[in-house]
Amino acid sequence: MPRERVERGVEAAKRLERHLESIATSVVTKDTMAHFISAGMEMMQAANTTMKSMQIPQETKDRVHKAEKELLLAMRSAIDVVISELDKEMPSKGSEVRRIEIRKAKPKSR
């Protein structure tokens, strides 16, 4: 009985993962990701420029840096989704390693 529950749980988790992937790939396009990344970089640059020109408490700087890190992690995750979609669109090489036996040719008789 416990094993069946675990197997059902694993299958439910797999279904959920497929569903979430389906939603993410239909909502998030490559253009959306490019704009998201560009906006995030602009925000980070603006925050860093502002902090350099103002006297800001160290705790505030630390919080801004933590927010920047979270933004970068979100970007990394988004980039991973786009890469995954690109990989799906690329044709597989279909190459496989095969062993080819080379035999020494017998001399021709005359």
PDB file of N, CA and C in Angstrom:
ATOM      1  N   MET A   1       0.816  -1.206   0.000  1.00  0.00           N
ATOM      2  CA  MET A   1       0.000   0.000   0.000  1.00  0.00           C
ATOM      3  C   MET A   1       0.858   1.268   0.000  1.00  0.00           C
ATOM      4  N   PRO A   2       1.881   1.407   0.876  1.00  0.00           N
ATOM      5  CA  PRO A   2       2.689   2.635   0.847  1.00  0.00           C
ATOM      6  C   PRO A   2       3.414   2.823  -0.488  1.00  0.00           C
ATOM      7  N   ARG A   3       3.849   1.720  -1.073  1.00  0.00           N
ATOM      8  CA  ARG A   3       4.558   1.820  -2.354  1.00  0.00           C
ATOM      9  C   ARG A   3       3.633   2.377  -3.441  1.00  0.00           C
ATOM     10  N   GLU A   4       2.384   1.938  -3.442  1.00  0.00           N
ATOM     11  CA  GLU A   4       1.417   2.440  -4.415  1.00  0.00           C
ATOM     12  C   GLU A   4       1.184   3.938  -4.235  1.00  0.00           C
ATOM     13  N   ARG A   5       1.132   4.375  -2.997  1.00  0.00           N
ATOM     14  CA  ARG A   5       0.927   5.805  -2.720  1.00  0.00           C
ATOM     15  C   ARG A   5       2.111   6.615  -3.234  1.00  0.00           C
ATOM     16  N   VAL A   6       3.306   6.087  -3.036  1.00  0.00           N
ATOM     17  CA  VAL A   6       4.505   6.779  -3.519  1.00  0.00           C
ATOM     18  C   VAL A   6       4.479   6.855  -5.042  1.00  0.00           C
ATOM     19  N   GLU A   7       4.134   5.744  -5.680  1.00  0.00           N
ATOM     20  CA  GLU A   7       4.084   5.728  -7.146  1.00  0.00           C
ATOM     21  C   GLU A   7       3.032   6.693  -7.679  1.00  0.00           C
ATOM     22  N   ARG A   8       1.863   6.747  -7.012  1.00  0.00           N
ATOM     23  CA  ARG A   8       0.828   7.694  -7.427  1.00  0.00           C
ATOM     24  C   ARG A   8       1.301   9.127  -7.227  1.00  0.00           C
ATOM     25  N   GLY A   9       2.015   9.355  -6.126  1.00  0.00           N
ATOM     26  CA  GLY A   9       2.543  10.689  -5.860  1.00  0.00           C
ATOM     27  C   GLY A   9       3.568  11.110  -6.899  1.00  0.00           C
ATOM     28  N   VAL A  10       4.429  10.177  -7.288  1.00  0.00           N
ATOM     29  CA  VAL A  10       5.441  10.465  -8.308  1.00  0.00           C
ATOM     30  C   VAL A  10       4.758  10.778  -9.634  1.00  0.00           C
ATOM     31  N   GLU A  11       3.762   9.988  -9.988  1.00  0.00           N
ATOM     32  CA  GLU A  11       3.041  10.218 -11.246  1.00  0.00           C
ATOM     33  C   GLU A  11       2.315  11.569 -11.219  1.00  0.00           C
ATOM     34  N   ALA A  12       1.730  11.913 -10.081  1.00  0.00           N
ATOM     35  CA  ALA A  12       1.053  13.211  -9.960  1.00  0.00           C
ATOM     36  C   ALA A  12       2.057  14.353 -10.101  1.00  0.00           C
ATOM     37  N   ALA A  13       3.231  14.184  -9.513  1.00  0.00           N
ATOM     38  CA  ALA A  13       4.274  15.211  -9.627  1.00  0.00           C
ATOM     39  C   ALA A  13       4.723  15.362 -11.076  1.00  0.00           C
ATOM     40  N   LYS A  14       4.838  14.257 -11.791  1.00  0.00           N
ATOM     41  CA  LYS A  14       5.235  14.310 -13.198  1.00  0.00           C
ATOM     42  C   LYS A  14       4.168  15.016 -14.034  1.00  0.00           C
ATOM     43  N   ARG A  15       2.895  14.720 -13.755  1.00  0.00           N
ATOM     44  CA  ARG A  15       1.809  15.388 -14.484  1.00  0.00           C
ATOM     45  C   ARG A  15       1.828  16.893 -14.228  1.00  0.00           C
ATOM     46  N   LEU A  16       2.041  17.261 -12.968  1.00  0.00           N
ATOM     47  CA  LEU A  16       2.108  18.670 -12.605  1.00  0.00           C
ATOM     48  C   LEU A  16       3.275  19.351 -13.315  1.00  0.00           C
ATOM     49  N   GLU A  17       4.411  18.694 -13.352  1.00  0.00           N
ATOM     50  CA  GLU A  17       5.585  19.255 -14.025  1.00  0.00           C
ATOM     51  C   GLU A  17       5.301  19.476 -15.515  1.00  0.00           C
ATOM     52  N   ARG A  18       4.685  18.488 -16.165  1.00  0.00           N
ATOM     53  CA  ARG A  18       4.351  18.628 -17.587  1.00  0.00           C
ATOM     54  C   ARG A  18       3.361  19.773 -17.793  1.00  0.00           C
ATOM     55  N   HIS A  19       2.389  19.890 -16.898  1.00  0.00           N
ATOM     56  CA  HIS A  19       1.394  20.958 -16.999  1.00  0.00           C
ATOM     57  C   HIS A  19       2.050  22.331 -16.845  1.00  0.00           C
ATOM     58  N   LEU A  20       2.906  22.479 -15.851  1.00  0.00           N
ATOM     59  CA  LEU A  20       3.582  23.759 -15.633  1.00  0.00           C
ATOM     60  C   LEU A  20       4.493  24.112 -16.804  1.00  0.00           C
ATOM     61  N   GLU A  21       5.174  23.120 -17.338  1.00  0.00           N
ATOM     62  CA  GLU A  21       6.036  23.365 -18.497  1.00  0.00           C
ATOM     63  C   GLU A  21       5.204  23.823 -19.682  1.00  0.00           C
ATOM     64  N   SER A  22       4.048  23.214 -19.860  1.00  0.00           N
ATOM     65  CA  SER A  22       3.156  23.591 -20.947  1.00  0.00           C
ATOM     66  C   SER A  22       2.703  25.040 -20.797  1.00  0.00           C
ATOM     67  N   ILE A  23       2.349  25.417 -19.589  1.00  0.00           N
ATOM     68  CA  ILE A  23       1.903  26.789 -19.330  1.00  0.00           C
ATOM     69  C   ILE A  23       3.054  27.764 -19.573  1.00  0.00           C
ATOM     70  N   ALA A  24       4.222  27.457 -19.036  1.00  0.00           N
ATOM     71  CA  ALA A  24       5.370  28.358 -19.157  1.00  0.00           C
ATOM     72  C   ALA A  24       5.762  28.564 -20.603  1.00  0.00           C
ATOM     73  N   THR A  25       5.756  27.508 -21.383  1.00  0.00           N
ATOM     74  CA  THR A  25       6.193  27.638 -22.769  1.00  0.00           C
ATOM     75  C   THR A  25       5.155  28.324 -23.644  1.00  0.00           C
ATOM     76  N   SER A  26       3.897  28.280 -23.251  1.00  0.00           N
ATOM     77  CA  SER A  26       2.883  28.960 -24.064  1.00  0.00           C
ATOM     78  C   SER A  26       2.755  30.430 -23.687  1.00  0.00           C
ATOM     79  N   VAL A  27       3.122  30.791 -22.483  1.00  0.00           N
ATOM     80  CA  VAL A  27       2.995  32.169 -22.023  1.00  0.00           C
ATOM     81  C   VAL A  27       4.273  32.964 -22.264  1.00  0.00           C
ATOM     82  N   VAL A  28       5.397  32.355 -21.997  1.00  0.00           N
ATOM     83  CA  VAL A  28       6.677  33.050 -22.069  1.00  0.00           C
ATOM     84  C   VAL A  28       7.309  32.799 -23.434  1.00  0.00           C
ATOM     85  N   THR A  29       7.423  33.864 -24.221  1.00  0.00           N
ATOM     86  CA  THR A  29       8.055  33.739 -25.533  1.00  0.00           C
ATOM     87  C   THR A  29       9.509  34.197 -25.439  1.00  0.00           C
ATOM     88  N   LYS A  30      10.240  33.967 -26.490  1.00  0.00           N
ATOM     89  CA  LYS A  30      11.643  34.399 -26.527  1.00  0.00           C
ATOM     90  C   LYS A  30      11.733  35.919 -26.451  1.00  0.00           C
ATOM     91  N   ASP A  31      10.827  36.615 -27.145  1.00  0.00           N
ATOM     92  CA  ASP A  31      10.823  38.079 -27.091  1.00  0.00           C
ATOM     93  C   ASP A  31      10.521  38.570 -25.684  1.00  0.00           C
ATOM     94  N   THR A  32       9.568  37.936 -25.027  1.00  0.00           N
ATOM     95  CA  THR A  32       9.230  38.313 -23.652  1.00  0.00           C
ATOM     96  C   THR A  32      10.452  38.180 -22.765  1.00  0.00           C
ATOM     97  N   MET A  33      11.168  37.074 -22.920  1.00  0.00           N
ATOM     98  CA  MET A  33      12.348  36.853 -22.095  1.00  0.00           C
ATOM     99  C   MET A  33      13.432  37.885 -22.383  1.00  0.00           C
ATOM    100  N   ALA A  34      13.621  38.230 -23.655  1.00  0.00           N
ATOM    101  CA  ALA A  34      14.625  39.231 -24.008  1.00  0.00           C
ATOM    102  C   ALA A  34      14.300  40.576 -23.365  1.00  0.00           C
ATOM    103  N   HIS A  35      13.031  40.979 -23.401  1.00  0.00           N
ATOM    104  CA  HIS A  35      12.622  42.245 -22.782  1.00  0.00           C
ATOM    105  C   HIS A  35      12.751  42.183 -21.256  1.00  0.00           C
ATOM    106  N   PHE A  36      12.394  41.049 -20.686  1.00  0.00           N
ATOM    107  CA  PHE A  36      12.502  40.876 -19.232  1.00  0.00           C
ATOM    108  C   PHE A  36      13.951  41.017 -18.786  1.00  0.00           C
ATOM    109  N   ILE A  37      14.850  40.389 -19.503  1.00  0.00           N
ATOM    110  CA  ILE A  37      16.270  40.446 -19.150  1.00  0.00           C
ATOM    111  C   ILE A  37      16.806  41.865 -19.314  1.00  0.00           C
ATOM    112  N   SER A  38      16.431  42.512 -20.400  1.00  0.00           N
ATOM    113  CA  SER A  38      16.877  43.882 -20.648  1.00  0.00           C
ATOM    114  C   SER A  38      16.379  44.824 -19.553  1.00  0.00           C
ATOM    115  N   ALA A  39      15.116  44.690 -19.178  1.00  0.00           N
ATOM    116  CA  ALA A  39      14.550  45.538 -18.122  1.00  0.00           C
ATOM    117  C   ALA A  39      15.250  45.290 -16.790  1.00  0.00           C
ATOM    118  N   GLY A  40      15.502  44.045 -16.494  1.00  0.00           N
ATOM    119  CA  GLY A  40      16.180  43.709 -15.244  1.00  0.00           C
ATOM    120  C   GLY A  40      17.584  44.297 -15.172  1.00  0.00           C
ATOM    121  N   MET A  41      18.303  44.224 -16.276  1.00  0.00           N
ATOM    122  CA  MET A  41      19.657  44.786 -16.296  1.00  0.00           C
ATOM    123  C   MET A  41      19.613  46.305 -16.128  1.00  0.00           C
ATOM    124  N   GLU A  42      18.649  46.958 -16.773  1.00  0.00           N
ATOM    125  CA  GLU A  42      18.508  48.413 -16.624  1.00  0.00           C
ATOM    126  C   GLU A  42      18.225  48.782 -15.168  1.00  0.00           C
ATOM    127  N   MET A  43      17.352  48.026 -14.511  1.00  0.00           N
ATOM    128  CA  MET A  43      17.023  48.307 -13.109  1.00  0.00           C
ATOM    129  C   MET A  43      18.249  48.137 -12.223  1.00  0.00           C
ATOM    130  N   MET A  44      19.015  47.091 -12.461  1.00  0.00           N
ATOM    131  CA  MET A  44      20.207  46.860 -11.643  1.00  0.00           C
ATOM    132  C   MET A  44      21.235  47.971 -11.842  1.00  0.00           C
ATOM    133  N   GLN A  45      21.441  48.371 -13.085  1.00  0.00           N
ATOM    134  CA  GLN A  45      22.397  49.449 -13.353  1.00  0.00           C
ATOM    135  C   GLN A  45      21.938  50.759 -12.718  1.00  0.00           C
ATOM    136  N   ALA A  46      20.652  51.038 -12.784  1.00  0.00           N
ATOM    137  CA  ALA A  46      20.120  52.265 -12.175  1.00  0.00           C
ATOM    138  C   ALA A  46      20.304  52.239 -10.659  1.00  0.00           C
ATOM    139  N   ALA A  47      20.025  51.118 -10.041  1.00  0.00           N
ATOM    140  CA  ALA A  47      20.176  51.007  -8.586  1.00  0.00           C
ATOM    141  C   ALA A  47      21.635  51.183  -8.177  1.00  0.00           C
ATOM    142  N   ASN A  48      22.540  50.555  -8.897  1.00  0.00           N
ATOM    143  CA  ASN A  48      23.964  50.688  -8.563  1.00  0.00           C
ATOM    144  C   ASN A  48      24.465  52.107  -8.765  1.00  0.00           C
ATOM    145  N   THR A  49      24.053  52.761  -9.839  1.00  0.00           N
ATOM    146  CA  THR A  49      24.454  54.150 -10.098  1.00  0.00           C
ATOM    147  C   THR A  49      23.931  55.065  -9.002  1.00  0.00           C
ATOM    148  N   THR A  50      22.679  54.866  -8.619  1.00  0.00           N
ATOM    149  CA  THR A  50      22.071  55.694  -7.575  1.00  0.00           C
ATOM    150  C   THR A  50      22.786  55.500  -6.248  1.00  0.00           C
ATOM    151  N   MET A  51      23.097  54.266  -5.902  1.00  0.00           N
ATOM    152  CA  MET A  51      23.744  54.004  -4.614  1.00  0.00           C
ATOM    153  C   MET A  51      25.146  54.606  -4.561  1.00  0.00           C
ATOM    154  N   LYS A  52      25.828  54.688  -5.691  1.00  0.00           N
ATOM    155  CA  LYS A  52      27.178  55.263  -5.713  1.00  0.00           C
ATOM    156  C   LYS A  52      27.144  56.769  -5.497  1.00  0.00           C
ATOM    157  N   SER A  53      26.093  57.411  -5.983  1.00  0.00           N
ATOM    158  CA  SER A  53      26.038  58.877  -5.900  1.00  0.00           C
ATOM    159  C   SER A  53      25.363  59.383  -4.623  1.00  0.00           C
ATOM    160  N   MET A  54      24.816  58.505  -3.815  1.00  0.00           N
ATOM    161  CA  MET A  54      24.123  58.916  -2.594  1.00  0.00           C
ATOM    162  C   MET A  54      24.727  58.206  -1.395  1.00  0.00           C
ATOM    163  N   GLN A  55      24.537  58.807  -0.256  1.00  0.00           N
ATOM    164  CA  GLN A  55      24.949  58.131   0.964  1.00  0.00           C
ATOM    165  C   GLN A  55      23.769  57.292   1.442  1.00  0.00           C
ATOM    166  N   ILE A  56      23.914  56.002   1.265  1.00  0.00           N
ATOM    167  CA  ILE A  56      22.830  55.081   1.594  1.00  0.00           C
ATOM    168  C   ILE A  56      23.334  54.147   2.686  1.00  0.00           C
ATOM    169  N   PRO A  57      22.500  53.873   3.695  1.00  0.00           N
ATOM    170  CA  PRO A  57      22.916  52.955   4.762  1.00  0.00           C
ATOM    171  C   PRO A  57      23.304  51.582   4.182  1.00  0.00           C
ATOM    172  N   GLN A  58      24.271  50.951   4.825  1.00  0.00           N
ATOM    173  CA  GLN A  58      24.760  49.661   4.355  1.00  0.00           C
ATOM    174  C   GLN A  58      23.647  48.610   4.307  1.00  0.00           C
ATOM    175  N   GLU A  59      22.728  48.640   5.251  1.00  0.00           N
ATOM    176  CA  GLU A  59      21.625  47.677   5.256  1.00  0.00           C
ATOM    177  C   GLU A  59      20.780  47.810   3.982  1.00  0.00           C
ATOM    178  N   THR A  60      20.555  49.048   3.551  1.00  0.00           N
ATOM    179  CA  THR A  60      19.797  49.269   2.316  1.00  0.00           C
ATOM    180  C   THR A  60      20.571  48.743   1.118  1.00  0.00           C
ATOM    181  N   LYS A  61      21.876  49.003   1.079  1.00  0.00           N
ATOM    182  CA  LYS A  61      22.702  48.485  -0.007  1.00  0.00           C
ATOM    183  C   LYS A  61      22.650  46.958  -0.052  1.00  0.00           C
ATOM    184  N   ASP A  62      22.721  46.346   1.135  1.00  0.00           N
ATOM    185  CA  ASP A  62      22.670  44.881   1.198  1.00  0.00           C
ATOM    186  C   ASP A  62      21.346  44.355   0.647  1.00  0.00           C
ATOM    187  N   ARG A  63      20.261  45.037   0.996  1.00  0.00           N
ATOM    188  CA  ARG A  63      18.944  44.607   0.500  1.00  0.00           C
ATOM    189  C   ARG A  63      18.838  44.775  -1.024  1.00  0.00           C
ATOM    190  N   VAL A  64      19.382  45.860  -1.537  1.00  0.00           N
ATOM    191  CA  VAL A  64      19.360  46.070  -2.989  1.00  0.00           C
ATOM    192  C   VAL A  64      20.178  44.978  -3.674  1.00  0.00           C
ATOM    193  N   HIS A  65      21.324  44.635  -3.103  1.00  0.00           N
ATOM    194  CA  HIS A  65      22.155  43.574  -3.691  1.00  0.00           C
ATOM    195  C   HIS A  65      21.458  42.213  -3.632  1.00  0.00           C
ATOM    196  N   LYS A  66      20.734  41.967  -2.543  1.00  0.00           N
ATOM    197  CA  LYS A  66      19.975  40.714  -2.467  1.00  0.00           C
ATOM    198  C   LYS A  66      18.877  40.689  -3.529  1.00  0.00           C
ATOM    199  N   ALA A  67      18.226  41.837  -3.728  1.00  0.00           N
ATOM    200  CA  ALA A  67      17.190  41.926  -4.761  1.00  0.00           C
ATOM    201  C   ALA A  67      17.801  41.716  -6.147  1.00  0.00           C
ATOM    202  N   GLU A  68      18.980  42.282  -6.372  1.00  0.00           N
ATOM    203  CA  GLU A  68      19.672  42.082  -7.651  1.00  0.00           C
ATOM    204  C   GLU A  68      19.980  40.605  -7.876  1.00  0.00           C
ATOM    205  N   LYS A  69      20.424  39.957  -6.814  1.00  0.00           N
ATOM    206  CA  LYS A  69      20.740  38.534  -6.929  1.00  0.00           C
ATOM    207  C   LYS A  69      19.491  37.737  -7.294  1.00  0.00           C
ATOM    208  N   GLU A  70      18.370  38.041  -6.643  1.00  0.00           N
ATOM    209  CA  GLU A  70      17.122  37.337  -6.947  1.00  0.00           C
ATOM    210  C   GLU A  70      16.689  37.592  -8.391  1.00  0.00           C
ATOM    211  N   LEU A  71      16.872  38.818  -8.850  1.00  0.00           N
ATOM    212  CA  LEU A  71      16.538  39.142 -10.230  1.00  0.00           C
ATOM    213  C   LEU A  71      17.415  38.341 -11.193  1.00  0.00           C
ATOM    214  N   LEU A  72      18.688  38.250 -10.888  1.00  0.00           N
ATOM    215  CA  LEU A  72      19.594  37.471 -11.738  1.00  0.00           C
ATOM    216  C   LEU A  72      19.224  35.986 -11.727  1.00  0.00           C
ATOM    217  N   LEU A  73      18.838  35.472 -10.574  1.00  0.00           N
ATOM    218  CA  LEU A  73      18.412  34.068 -10.506  1.00  0.00           C
ATOM    219  C   LEU A  73      17.141  33.842 -11.330  1.00  0.00           C
ATOM    220  N   ALA A  74      16.226  34.820 -11.280  1.00  0.00           N
ATOM    221  CA  ALA A  74      15.014  34.716 -12.095  1.00  0.00           C
ATOM    222  C   ALA A  74      15.375  34.742 -13.577  1.00  0.00           C
ATOM    223  N   MET A  75      16.311  35.596 -13.946  1.00  0.00           N
ATOM    224  CA  MET A  75      16.755  35.661 -15.338  1.00  0.00           C
ATOM    225  C   MET A  75      17.388  34.337 -15.764  1.00  0.00           C
ATOM    226  N   ARG A  76      18.206  33.779 -14.883  1.00  0.00           N
ATOM    227  CA  ARG A  76      18.845  32.494 -15.201  1.00  0.00           C
ATOM    228  C   ARG A  76      17.794  31.424 -15.449  1.00  0.00           C
ATOM    229  N   SER A  77      16.792  31.407 -14.597  1.00  0.00           N
ATOM    230  CA  SER A  77      15.715  30.431 -14.755  1.00  0.00           C
ATOM    231  C   SER A  77      14.972  30.648 -16.071  1.00  0.00           C
ATOM    232  N   ALA A  78      14.705  31.913 -16.389  1.00  0.00           N
ATOM    233  CA  ALA A  78      14.008  32.226 -17.631  1.00  0.00           C
ATOM    234  C   ALA A  78      14.856  31.840 -18.842  1.00  0.00           C
ATOM    235  N   ILE A  79      16.138  32.096 -18.755  1.00  0.00           N
ATOM    236  CA  ILE A  79      17.040  31.728 -19.852  1.00  0.00           C
ATOM    237  C   ILE A  79      17.057  30.215 -20.025  1.00  0.00           C
ATOM    238  N   ASP A  80      17.049  29.491 -18.927  1.00  0.00           N
ATOM    239  CA  ASP A  80      17.009  28.022 -19.008  1.00  0.00           C
ATOM    240  C   ASP A  80      15.761  27.538 -19.742  1.00  0.00           C
ATOM    241  N   VAL A  81      14.627  28.213 -19.505  1.00  0.00           N
ATOM    242  CA  VAL A  81      13.384  27.836 -20.190  1.00  0.00           C
ATOM    243  C   VAL A  81      13.524  28.068 -21.691  1.00  0.00           C
ATOM    244  N   VAL A  82      14.079  29.216 -22.061  1.00  0.00           N
ATOM    245  CA  VAL A  82      14.247  29.523 -23.480  1.00  0.00           C
ATOM    246  C   VAL A  82      15.215  28.537 -24.132  1.00  0.00           C
ATOM    247  N   ILE A  83      16.303  28.226 -23.452  1.00  0.00           N
ATOM    248  CA  ILE A  83      17.268  27.254 -23.986  1.00  0.00           C
ATOM    249  C   ILE A  83      16.594  25.905 -24.178  1.00  0.00           C
ATOM    250  N   SER A  84      15.794  25.508 -23.217  1.00  0.00           N
ATOM    251  CA  SER A  84      15.074  24.236 -23.326  1.00  0.00           C
ATOM    252  C   SER A  84      14.162  24.231 -24.550  1.00  0.00           C
ATOM    253  N   GLU A  85      13.475  25.344 -24.792  1.00  0.00           N
ATOM    254  CA  GLU A  85      12.605  25.435 -25.960  1.00  0.00           C
ATOM    255  C   GLU A  85      13.409  25.411 -27.258  1.00  0.00           C
ATOM    256  N   LEU A  86      14.548  26.079 -27.249  1.00  0.00           N
ATOM    257  CA  LEU A  86      15.396  26.056 -28.441  1.00  0.00           C
ATOM    258  C   LEU A  86      15.896  24.646 -28.726  1.00  0.00           C
ATOM    259  N   ASP A  87      16.270  23.945 -27.670  1.00  0.00           N
ATOM    260  CA  ASP A  87      16.729  22.568 -27.840  1.00  0.00           C
ATOM    261  C   ASP A  87      15.644  21.700 -28.451  1.00  0.00           C
ATOM    262  N   LYS A  88      14.395  21.944 -28.073  1.00  0.00           N
ATOM    263  CA  LYS A  88      13.279  21.167 -28.629  1.00  0.00           C
ATOM    264  C   LYS A  88      13.088  21.460 -30.117  1.00  0.00           C
ATOM    265  N   GLU A  89      13.369  22.708 -30.526  1.00  0.00           N
ATOM    266  CA  GLU A  89      13.173  23.101 -31.914  1.00  0.00           C
ATOM    267  C   GLU A  89      14.303  22.639 -32.829  1.00  0.00           C
ATOM    268  N   MET A  90      15.459  22.380 -32.253  1.00  0.00           N
ATOM    269  CA  MET A  90      16.607  21.986 -33.070  1.00  0.00           C
ATOM    270  C   MET A  90      16.498  20.513 -33.440  1.00  0.00           C
ATOM    271  N   PRO A  91      16.773  20.204 -34.705  1.00  0.00           N
ATOM    272  CA  PRO A  91      16.706  18.789 -35.094  1.00  0.00           C
ATOM    273  C   PRO A  91      17.822  18.013 -34.414  1.00  0.00           C
ATOM    274  N   SER A  92      17.499  16.804 -34.040  1.00  0.00           N
ATOM    275  CA  SER A  92      18.529  15.996 -33.405  1.00  0.00           C
ATOM    276  C   SER A  92      19.543  15.589 -34.454  1.00  0.00           C
ATOM    277  N   LYS A  93      20.765  15.455 -34.047  1.00  0.00           N
ATOM    278  CA  LYS A  93      21.839  15.118 -34.975  1.00  0.00           C
ATOM    279  C   LYS A  93      21.687  13.702 -35.498  1.00  0.00           C
ATOM    280  N   GLY A  94      21.074  12.868 -34.706  1.00  0.00           N
ATOM    281  CA  GLY A  94      20.867  11.489 -35.137  1.00  0.00           C
ATOM    282  C   GLY A  94      22.162  10.711 -35.284  1.00  0.00           C
ATOM    283  N   SER A  95      23.212  11.273 -34.765  1.00  0.00           N
ATOM    284  CA  SER A  95      24.479  10.552 -34.889  1.00  0.00           C
ATOM    285  C   SER A  95      24.646   9.621 -33.701  1.00  0.00           C
ATOM    286  N   GLU A  96      25.179   8.509 -34.000  1.00  0.00           N
ATOM    287  CA  GLU A  96      25.454   7.558 -32.936  1.00  0.00           C
ATOM    288  C   GLU A  96      26.796   6.913 -33.233  1.00  0.00           C
ATOM    289  N   VAL A  97      27.411   6.462 -32.218  1.00  0.00           N
ATOM    290  CA  VAL A  97      28.713   5.820 -32.367  1.00  0.00           C
ATOM    291  C   VAL A  97      28.479   4.380 -32.789  1.00  0.00           C
ATOM    292  N   ARG A  98      29.106   4.019 -33.891  1.00  0.00           N
ATOM    293  CA  ARG A  98      29.014   2.638 -34.370  1.00  0.00           C
ATOM    294  C   ARG A  98      30.416   2.092 -34.533  1.00  0.00           C
ATOM    295  N   ARG A  99      30.534   0.855 -34.255  1.00  0.00           N
ATOM    296  CA  ARG A  99      31.823   0.195 -34.418  1.00  0.00           C
ATOM    297  C   ARG A  99      31.905  -0.327 -35.853  1.00  0.00           C
ATOM    298  N   ILE A 100      32.970   0.042 -36.538  1.00  0.00           N
ATOM    299  CA  ILE A 100      33.189  -0.418 -37.912  1.00  0.00           C
ATOM    300  C   ILE A 100      34.445  -1.281 -37.904  1.00  0.00           C
ATOM    301  N   GLU A 101      34.256  -2.491 -38.346  1.00  0.00           N
ATOM    302  CA  GLU A 101      35.383  -3.421 -38.371  1.00  0.00           C
ATOM    303  C   GLU A 101      36.120  -3.274 -39.693  1.00  0.00           C
ATOM    304  N   ILE A 102      37.412  -3.096 -39.643  1.00  0.00           N
ATOM    305  CA  ILE A 102      38.234  -2.977 -40.844  1.00  0.00           C
ATOM    306  C   ILE A 102      39.094  -4.225 -40.936  1.00  0.00           C
ATOM    307  N   ARG A 103      38.929  -4.923 -42.047  1.00  0.00           N
ATOM    308  CA  ARG A 103      39.698  -6.141 -42.252  1.00  0.00           C
ATOM    309  C   ARG A 103      40.776  -5.888 -43.288  1.00  0.00           C
ATOM    310  N   LYS A 104      41.846  -6.576 -43.078  1.00  0.00           N
ATOM    311  CA  LYS A 104      42.933  -6.475 -44.033  1.00  0.00           C
ATOM    312  C   LYS A 104      42.520  -7.232 -45.284  1.00  0.00           C
ATOM    313  N   ALA A 105      42.657  -6.610 -46.456  1.00  0.00           N
ATOM    314  CA  ALA A 105      42.264  -7.252 -47.707  1.00  0.00           C
ATOM    315  C   ALA A 105      43.215  -8.387 -48.044  1.00  0.00           C
ATOM    316  N   LYS A 106      42.650  -9.471 -48.561  1.00  0.00           N
ATOM    317  CA  LYS A 106      43.464 -10.603 -49.019  1.00  0.00           C
ATOM    318  C   LYS A 106      44.074 -10.245 -50.359  1.00  0.00           C
ATOM    319  N   PRO A 107      45.305 -10.650 -50.581  1.00  0.00           N
ATOM    320  CA  PRO A 107      45.902 -10.369 -51.885  1.00  0.00           C
ATOM    321  C   PRO A 107      45.173 -11.125 -52.984  1.00  0.00           C
ATOM    322  N   LYS A 108      44.998 -10.476 -54.116  1.00  0.00           N
ATOM    323  CA  LYS A 108      44.288 -11.097 -55.246  1.00  0.00           C
ATOM    324  C   LYS A 108      45.183 -12.141 -55.896  1.00  0.00           C
ATOM    325  N   SER A 109      44.592 -13.276 -56.230  1.00  0.00           N
ATOM    326  CA  SER A 109      45.365 -14.326 -56.904  1.00  0.00           C
ATOM    327  C   SER A 109      45.248 -14.107 -58.409  1.00  0.00           C
ATOM    328  N   ARG A 110      46.328 -14.439 -59.137  1.00  0.00           N
ATOM    329  CA  ARG A 110      46.336 -14.213 -60.589  1.00  0.00           C
ATOM    330  C   ARG A 110      46.154 -15.447 -61.349  1.00  0.00           C
TER     331      ARG A 110
END
